[in-house]
């Protein structure tokens, strides 16, 4: 994973299958999800763990804002807060 604090590129490999995802992390989203803003990269990693527990990497959007996960998985905010 590479990123600058607000934008991250995540590469997921599952055997021979690889997918690349660009994720935007709005400035205040970490705090709203119960995470220290200094741990944004860890938040993105935990969010991908959450997603991969529910769907294959090839089903994850290629480009998205971290907040959109809650639209597809309503349990996301509560679950990711527990992982902080």
Protein backbone atom coordinates (compact mmCIF):
# COMPACT_ATOMS: atom_id res chain seq x y z
CA UNK A 1 0.00 0.00 0.00
CA UNK A 2 1.22 3.46 -0.83
CA UNK A 3 -0.34 6.76 0.10
CA UNK A 4 0.00 10.35 1.19
CA UNK A 5 -2.48 10.47 4.08
CA UNK A 6 -5.58 11.26 2.06
CA UNK A 7 -5.17 9.00 -0.97
CA UNK A 8 -3.96 5.40 -1.02
CA UNK A 9 -3.24 2.81 -3.67
CA UNK A 10 -3.92 -0.70 -2.43
CA UNK A 11 -2.75 -3.79 -4.31
CA UNK A 12 -4.44 -7.07 -3.44
CA UNK A 13 -3.05 -10.41 -4.61
CA UNK A 14 -4.98 -13.64 -4.33
CA UNK A 15 -2.98 -16.36 -5.99
CA UNK A 16 -2.53 -15.34 -9.62
CA UNK A 17 -5.24 -12.67 -9.41
CA UNK A 18 -4.20 -9.10 -8.63
CA UNK A 19 -6.39 -6.03 -8.23
CA UNK A 20 -5.45 -2.40 -7.65
CA UNK A 21 -7.67 0.05 -5.77
CA UNK A 22 -7.41 3.82 -5.28
CA UNK A 23 -8.96 4.91 -1.98
CA UNK A 24 -9.66 8.45 -0.83
CA UNK A 25 -9.72 9.11 2.93
CA UNK A 26 -11.45 12.42 3.77
CA UNK A 27 -9.72 14.46 6.48
CA UNK A 28 -12.30 13.83 9.21
CA UNK A 29 -13.31 10.24 8.44
CA UNK A 30 -10.73 8.59 10.70
CA UNK A 31 -11.99 10.43 13.77
CA UNK A 32 -15.63 9.78 12.90
CA UNK A 33 -14.82 6.07 12.72
CA UNK A 34 -13.03 6.13 16.07
CA UNK A 35 -9.49 6.07 14.69
CA UNK A 36 -6.56 8.38 15.41
CA UNK A 37 -6.03 10.48 12.23
CA UNK A 38 -2.32 9.62 12.40
CA UNK A 39 -3.30 5.97 11.73
CA UNK A 40 -5.07 6.52 8.38
CA UNK A 41 -2.94 3.93 6.59
CA UNK A 42 -3.85 1.34 9.24
CA UNK A 43 -7.50 2.33 8.85
CA UNK A 44 -7.32 1.66 5.11
CA UNK A 45 -5.65 -1.71 5.74
CA UNK A 46 -8.32 -2.66 8.32
CA UNK A 47 -11.03 -1.54 5.91
CA UNK A 48 -9.65 -3.86 3.23
CA UNK A 49 -9.53 -6.71 5.70
CA UNK A 50 -13.19 -5.98 6.44
CA UNK A 51 -14.05 -5.97 2.74
CA UNK A 52 -12.09 -9.11 1.94
CA UNK A 53 -13.96 -10.96 4.70
CA UNK A 54 -17.13 -10.25 2.72
CA UNK A 55 -16.21 -10.32 -0.97
CA UNK A 56 -13.39 -11.21 -3.35
CA UNK A 57 -10.89 -8.49 -4.19
CA UNK A 58 -12.12 -8.42 -7.78
CA UNK A 59 -15.56 -7.28 -6.51
CA UNK A 60 -14.16 -4.30 -4.60
CA UNK A 61 -14.53 -0.98 -6.41
CA UNK A 62 -11.36 0.12 -8.20
CA UNK A 63 -11.71 3.73 -7.02
CA UNK A 64 -13.72 4.88 -4.02
CA UNK A 65 -13.99 7.11 -0.98
CA UNK A 66 -13.58 5.15 2.26
CA UNK A 67 -16.97 6.37 3.50
CA UNK A 68 -18.77 4.58 0.65
CA UNK A 69 -18.14 1.19 2.31
CA UNK A 70 -20.96 1.92 4.78
CA UNK A 71 -23.43 2.25 1.90
CA UNK A 72 -22.76 -1.32 0.84
CA UNK A 73 -22.15 -2.74 4.31
CA UNK A 74 -24.15 -0.86 6.97
CA UNK A 75 -22.24 -2.65 9.75
CA UNK A 76 -18.94 -1.11 8.57
CA UNK A 77 -18.78 1.98 10.86
CA UNK A 78 -19.47 0.01 14.04
CA UNK A 79 -17.19 -2.89 13.06
CA UNK A 80 -14.27 -0.71 11.96
CA UNK A 81 -14.55 1.34 15.16
CA UNK A 82 -14.09 -1.87 17.15
CA UNK A 83 -10.90 -2.57 15.21
CA UNK A 84 -9.35 0.84 16.04
